[in-house]
Protein backbone atom coordinates (compact mmCIF):
# COMPACT_ATOMS: atom_id res chain seq x y z
CA MET A 1 -81.61 -151.26 13.52
CA PRO A 2 -80.20 -149.08 16.34
CA SER A 3 -80.21 -150.39 19.89
CA ILE A 4 -81.57 -148.45 22.85
CA ARG A 5 -79.18 -150.38 25.08
CA ARG A 6 -76.87 -147.34 24.83
CA CYS A 7 -79.21 -145.56 27.25
CA ALA A 8 -78.49 -148.01 30.09
CA ALA A 9 -77.07 -146.49 33.27
CA VAL A 10 -73.54 -147.37 34.36
CA ALA A 11 -74.32 -148.32 37.97
CA ALA A 12 -76.42 -147.51 41.03
CA LEU A 13 -77.14 -148.28 44.66
CA VAL A 14 -79.52 -148.61 47.63
CA LEU A 15 -79.84 -149.25 51.35
CA ALA A 16 -82.81 -151.41 52.56
CA PRO A 17 -84.31 -154.58 51.08
CA ALA A 18 -87.75 -154.39 49.47
CA PHE A 19 -90.80 -156.28 50.66
CA ALA A 20 -91.68 -159.61 49.07
CA PRO A 21 -93.27 -159.29 45.61
CA THR A 22 -96.86 -160.14 44.88
CA ALA A 23 -97.19 -163.56 43.28
CA SER A 24 -98.60 -163.69 39.74
CA ALA A 25 -98.67 -166.06 36.81
CA ALA A 26 -95.91 -165.83 34.23
CA GLU A 27 -96.69 -163.31 31.49
CA PRO A 28 -95.42 -163.15 27.92
CA VAL A 29 -92.62 -160.77 27.05
CA LEU A 30 -93.78 -157.47 25.57
CA PRO A 31 -93.28 -157.25 21.78
CA GLN A 32 -90.13 -155.85 20.25
CA GLY A 33 -90.44 -152.22 19.14
CA ARG A 34 -90.54 -151.35 15.45
CA GLY A 35 -87.87 -148.67 15.46
CA TYR A 36 -85.14 -150.27 17.55
CA GLU A 37 -84.21 -153.47 19.30
CA THR A 38 -84.21 -153.79 23.08
CA PRO A 39 -83.06 -156.57 25.42
CA GLU A 40 -85.74 -159.10 26.30
CA TYR A 41 -85.51 -158.46 30.04
CA TRP A 42 -86.43 -154.81 29.45
CA ARG A 43 -89.72 -156.17 28.08
CA GLN A 44 -90.24 -158.98 30.62
CA PRO A 45 -93.24 -158.32 32.91
CA VAL A 46 -92.73 -158.99 36.62
CA ALA A 47 -95.15 -159.04 39.52
CA PRO A 48 -95.54 -155.64 41.21
CA PHE A 49 -94.02 -155.46 44.67
CA THR A 50 -94.09 -153.06 47.59
CA LEU A 51 -91.20 -150.72 48.25
CA ALA A 52 -92.81 -149.05 51.26
CA GLN A 53 -96.26 -148.30 52.64
CA ARG A 54 -97.36 -146.12 49.70
CA SER A 55 -94.77 -146.99 47.05
CA TRP A 56 -94.81 -149.86 44.56
CA TYR A 57 -92.57 -151.13 41.78
CA ILE A 58 -94.70 -151.77 38.68
CA GLY A 59 -92.09 -151.84 35.91
CA THR A 60 -90.53 -154.71 34.00
CA ALA A 61 -87.48 -156.79 34.86
CA GLY A 62 -85.17 -154.24 33.25
CA LEU A 63 -86.97 -150.88 33.29
CA SER A 64 -88.38 -149.20 36.40
CA ALA A 65 -91.79 -147.66 36.91
CA VAL A 66 -92.85 -146.58 40.39
CA LEU A 67 -96.39 -146.00 41.63
CA ILE A 68 -97.04 -143.85 44.72
CA LYS A 69 -100.54 -144.07 46.17
CA THR A 70 -101.80 -141.04 48.11
CA ASP A 71 -105.09 -140.00 49.71
CA ALA A 72 -105.78 -137.76 46.69
CA GLY A 73 -104.81 -140.12 43.88
CA ALA A 74 -101.65 -141.70 42.55
CA VAL A 75 -98.31 -140.62 41.09
CA LEU A 76 -96.36 -142.55 38.44
CA ILE A 77 -92.62 -142.11 37.97
CA ASP A 78 -91.47 -143.24 34.50
CA GLY A 79 -93.11 -146.00 32.49
CA GLY A 80 -90.59 -147.87 30.37
CA LEU A 81 -90.93 -148.56 26.64
CA PRO A 82 -93.82 -147.36 24.43
CA GLN A 83 -95.26 -150.89 24.24
CA ALA A 84 -95.56 -151.03 28.06
CA ALA A 85 -98.54 -148.65 28.31
CA ASP A 86 -101.20 -151.34 28.68
CA LEU A 87 -99.03 -153.23 31.15
CA ILE A 88 -98.58 -150.17 33.37
CA LEU A 89 -102.31 -149.43 33.31
CA ALA A 90 -103.04 -153.06 34.20
CA ARG A 91 -100.57 -152.96 37.09
CA MET A 92 -102.26 -149.83 38.42
CA GLN A 93 -105.64 -151.54 38.29
CA GLN A 94 -104.16 -154.57 40.02
CA LEU A 95 -103.14 -152.31 42.90
CA GLY A 96 -106.55 -150.67 43.11
CA VAL A 97 -105.70 -147.54 41.12
CA ALA A 98 -108.26 -146.81 38.40
CA PRO A 99 -107.08 -144.81 35.38
CA SER A 100 -108.94 -141.74 36.65
CA ASP A 101 -107.09 -142.03 39.97
CA LEU A 102 -103.68 -141.30 38.39
CA ARG A 103 -103.04 -137.60 38.89
CA LEU A 104 -99.36 -137.05 38.04
CA ILE A 105 -96.67 -138.61 35.84
CA LEU A 106 -93.12 -137.60 36.75
CA ILE A 107 -90.33 -137.98 34.19
CA GLY A 108 -86.69 -138.81 34.95
CA HIS A 109 -85.41 -138.16 31.43
CA ALA A 110 -86.96 -138.05 27.98
CA HIS A 111 -85.68 -141.25 26.38
CA ALA A 112 -87.89 -143.87 24.77
CA ASP A 113 -87.06 -146.58 27.30
CA HIS A 114 -88.45 -144.54 30.20
CA ALA A 115 -90.91 -141.98 28.77
CA GLY A 116 -92.07 -144.19 25.91
CA PRO A 117 -95.65 -144.92 27.11
CA VAL A 118 -96.33 -141.56 28.75
CA ALA A 119 -98.45 -140.16 25.89
CA ALA A 120 -100.71 -143.23 25.91
CA ILE A 121 -100.98 -143.31 29.70
CA ARG A 122 -101.80 -139.60 29.78
CA ARG A 123 -104.60 -140.12 27.23
CA ALA A 124 -106.02 -143.03 29.21
CA THR A 125 -105.89 -141.31 32.60
CA GLY A 126 -105.93 -137.55 32.18
CA ALA A 127 -102.89 -137.33 34.48
CA ARG A 128 -100.69 -134.23 34.34
CA VAL A 129 -97.13 -134.74 33.10
CA VAL A 130 -94.37 -133.15 35.18
CA ALA A 131 -90.78 -132.66 33.98
CA SER A 132 -87.85 -130.28 33.73
CA ALA A 133 -87.81 -127.67 30.97
CA GLU A 134 -85.10 -129.50 29.02
CA SER A 135 -87.04 -132.76 29.18
CA ALA A 136 -90.26 -130.96 28.22
CA VAL A 137 -88.74 -129.84 24.91
CA LEU A 138 -87.58 -133.35 24.04
CA LEU A 139 -90.87 -134.93 25.15
CA ALA A 140 -92.78 -132.59 22.85
CA ARG A 141 -90.55 -133.69 19.96
CA GLY A 142 -90.98 -137.36 20.79
CA GLY A 143 -87.25 -137.72 21.33
CA THR A 144 -86.19 -136.46 17.90
CA ASP A 145 -83.05 -134.35 17.51
CA ASP A 146 -81.75 -135.73 20.79
CA ILE A 147 -78.46 -134.04 21.62
CA HIS A 148 -76.71 -137.42 21.87
CA ASN A 149 -78.88 -139.94 20.00
CA GLY A 150 -80.20 -137.89 17.09
CA ASP A 151 -83.47 -139.24 15.65
CA GLY A 152 -82.96 -142.97 16.16
CA LEU A 153 -84.84 -143.43 19.44
CA ASP A 154 -88.10 -141.55 18.96
CA PHE A 155 -91.36 -142.23 20.82
CA PRO A 156 -94.93 -140.84 20.86
CA PRO A 157 -94.64 -137.14 21.76
CA VAL A 158 -96.35 -135.72 24.82
CA THR A 159 -96.91 -132.21 26.16
CA VAL A 160 -95.69 -131.42 29.66
CA ASP A 161 -98.34 -129.84 31.89
CA ARG A 162 -96.03 -128.64 34.65
CA ILE A 163 -92.40 -127.63 34.31
CA VAL A 164 -90.53 -127.90 37.60
CA MET A 165 -87.42 -126.20 38.94
CA ASP A 166 -84.57 -127.69 40.94
CA GLY A 167 -85.68 -128.13 44.55
CA GLU A 168 -89.37 -127.61 43.77
CA ILE A 169 -91.90 -129.70 45.73
CA VAL A 170 -94.59 -131.65 43.92
CA GLU A 171 -97.31 -132.47 46.45
CA LEU A 172 -100.32 -134.76 46.25
CA GLY A 173 -102.44 -136.14 49.07
CA GLY A 174 -99.91 -135.22 51.74
CA VAL A 175 -96.97 -136.84 49.91
CA ARG A 176 -94.24 -134.31 49.10
CA ILE A 177 -91.92 -135.24 46.23
CA THR A 178 -88.81 -133.10 45.77
CA THR A 179 -87.30 -132.30 42.37
CA HIS A 180 -83.52 -132.61 41.97
CA PHE A 181 -81.72 -131.66 38.77
CA THR A 182 -79.03 -134.29 38.17
CA PRO A 183 -77.71 -133.67 34.61
CA ALA A 184 -75.41 -136.69 34.41
CA HIS A 185 -77.17 -138.53 31.59
CA THR A 186 -79.18 -135.90 29.71
CA PRO A 187 -79.35 -132.11 30.17
CA GLY A 188 -82.87 -132.58 31.57
CA SER A 189 -82.16 -135.52 33.87
CA THR A 190 -84.22 -135.24 37.04
CA SER A 191 -84.20 -137.27 40.24
CA TRP A 192 -87.10 -137.44 42.70
CA THR A 193 -87.15 -138.01 46.47
CA TRP A 194 -89.96 -138.56 48.95
CA THR A 195 -90.45 -139.98 52.44
CA ASP A 196 -92.61 -143.06 52.94
CA GLN A 197 -93.04 -145.45 55.87
CA ARG A 198 -91.74 -148.95 56.47
CA ASP A 199 -92.35 -150.90 59.69
CA GLY A 200 -93.72 -147.72 61.23
CA LYS A 201 -90.53 -145.77 60.54
CA PRO A 202 -89.80 -143.07 57.97
CA LEU A 203 -88.04 -144.28 54.81
CA ARG A 204 -86.39 -141.70 52.54
CA ILE A 205 -86.69 -142.97 48.97
CA ALA A 206 -84.58 -141.61 46.11
CA TYR A 207 -85.44 -142.28 42.49
CA ALA A 208 -82.08 -141.19 41.08
CA ASP A 209 -81.92 -140.74 37.35
CA SER A 210 -79.39 -142.53 35.14
CA LEU A 211 -75.73 -141.53 35.47
CA SER A 212 -74.13 -142.72 32.25
CA ALA A 213 -72.68 -141.35 29.02
CA PRO A 214 -73.10 -144.27 26.58
CA GLY A 215 -71.14 -143.37 23.46
CA TYR A 216 -71.36 -139.64 24.21
CA LYS A 217 -68.72 -137.19 22.99
CA LEU A 218 -67.20 -135.79 26.19
CA ILE A 219 -64.26 -133.85 24.78
CA ASP A 220 -64.82 -130.75 22.61
CA ASN A 221 -68.51 -131.49 22.08
CA PRO A 222 -69.74 -128.59 19.90
CA ARG A 223 -73.39 -129.07 20.88
CA TYR A 224 -72.63 -129.47 24.58
CA PRO A 225 -69.39 -127.64 25.46
CA HIS A 226 -69.83 -127.99 29.25
CA ILE A 227 -71.03 -131.58 29.31
CA VAL A 228 -68.38 -132.78 31.76
CA ASP A 229 -69.07 -129.87 34.13
CA ASP A 230 -72.76 -130.79 34.13
CA TYR A 231 -71.94 -134.43 34.84
CA ARG A 232 -69.84 -133.42 37.85
CA ARG A 233 -72.75 -131.32 39.15
CA GLY A 234 -75.06 -134.27 38.65
CA TYR A 235 -72.85 -136.61 40.66
CA ALA A 236 -72.61 -134.11 43.51
CA ALA A 237 -76.40 -133.71 43.55
CA VAL A 238 -76.98 -137.47 43.69
CA ARG A 239 -74.49 -137.87 46.55
CA ALA A 240 -76.49 -135.29 48.52
CA LEU A 241 -79.91 -136.92 48.05
CA PRO A 242 -81.84 -138.13 51.11
CA CYS A 243 -81.38 -141.79 50.36
CA ASP A 244 -82.33 -144.69 52.63
CA LEU A 245 -83.59 -146.63 49.59
CA LEU A 246 -82.27 -146.04 46.07
CA LEU A 247 -84.20 -146.75 42.88
CA THR A 248 -82.93 -146.11 39.36
CA PRO A 249 -84.52 -146.14 35.87
CA HIS A 250 -82.55 -149.30 35.09
CA PRO A 251 -83.08 -151.34 38.27
CA ASP A 252 -79.95 -153.44 37.86
CA ALA A 253 -77.90 -150.25 38.10
CA SER A 254 -78.84 -150.03 41.78
CA GLY A 255 -78.69 -153.67 42.78
CA TRP A 256 -82.27 -154.64 41.98
CA LYS A 257 -83.45 -157.86 40.32
CA PRO A 258 -87.22 -157.33 40.00
CA ASP A 259 -87.73 -160.76 38.43
CA ASN A 260 -86.32 -162.44 41.55
CA THR A 261 -89.56 -162.90 43.47
CA ALA A 262 -87.80 -164.22 46.57
CA GLN A 263 -85.29 -161.37 46.83
CA PRO A 264 -85.77 -158.51 44.36
CA HIS A 265 -83.05 -156.39 45.96
CA PRO A 266 -80.09 -158.68 46.68
CA GLN A 267 -77.36 -156.01 46.36
CA PRO A 268 -78.49 -152.71 47.90
CA MET A 269 -76.42 -149.64 47.01
CA SER A 270 -76.12 -146.13 48.41
CA CYS A 271 -76.60 -142.93 46.44
CA ALA A 272 -72.99 -141.99 47.14
CA ALA A 273 -71.69 -145.31 45.82
CA TYR A 274 -73.92 -144.97 42.75
CA ALA A 275 -72.44 -141.55 41.96
CA ASP A 276 -68.88 -142.65 42.74
CA LYS A 277 -69.03 -145.63 40.40
CA ALA A 278 -70.56 -143.55 37.61
CA GLU A 279 -67.93 -140.83 37.97
CA GLN A 280 -65.15 -143.41 37.79
CA ALA A 281 -66.66 -144.70 34.55
CA LEU A 282 -66.85 -141.15 33.18
CA ASP A 283 -63.19 -140.52 34.02
CA GLN A 284 -62.27 -143.68 32.12
CA GLN A 285 -64.30 -142.55 29.09
CA ILE A 286 -62.63 -139.14 29.14
CA ALA A 287 -59.18 -140.74 29.27
CA GLN A 288 -60.06 -143.05 26.38
CA GLN A 289 -61.38 -140.20 24.26
CA ARG A 290 -58.31 -138.08 24.94
CA GLY A 291 -56.07 -141.01 24.09
CA GLY A 292 -57.91 -141.57 20.83
CA ARG A 293 -57.36 -138.08 19.49
């Protein structure tokens, strides 16, 4: 049984601590998927907690999902594994967001551990799915024929309603979310930034997509000849993000411990440090692959 652990990001970073999480009773771990095994903490529910005035963390201990509440409805960024759909919908309800209030679902990249429940959530809410063109193709195929993972990590397919370009603004209820192409994990990897408020002051939040190449062929890749060039572009784009607070699809990659109710963000990281650490890891992989020829 293949493991989706390969999709985990190499590292990440952030600047300000999050607010205290909302207390809730312990919940059972989500079931293991049928097609592949995942670490238990990826499936461990945690209490939702505030990131800023409009922004909430509603994912699991090991996979991020972010809810942004606006005056015209809500936005969801990523959702975790396919079996997390009911959990995400319940978290929304817990925060006063009815299914019909969810307007948009933004995708970081089209892997099963982040886009897995999107089809089910879209059916339950009627929300429009927003993604890059590259991610849209893979989402429609349910992750099959992935350029790196093949067919081993498929998920329920979903049609994208809005394809966005690099730098495009997605706006809802006065909240402006900027699209950033950061192809340092998949060709369609997309990061998202928006400005919220904390303690009456603006807080620039960056949801930076994963920056890792787990088991990828980096040298003479016939399906992706310019993979390393794209990774370098991705690192540069992440370093340039407006980034007072960094979030990542795998929260531990940016210093988060969502299951730590007392201090969910004990090791904040910056976007620049996130990119630097990932690029160092890539350089090591390239050297290893060249040495193994």
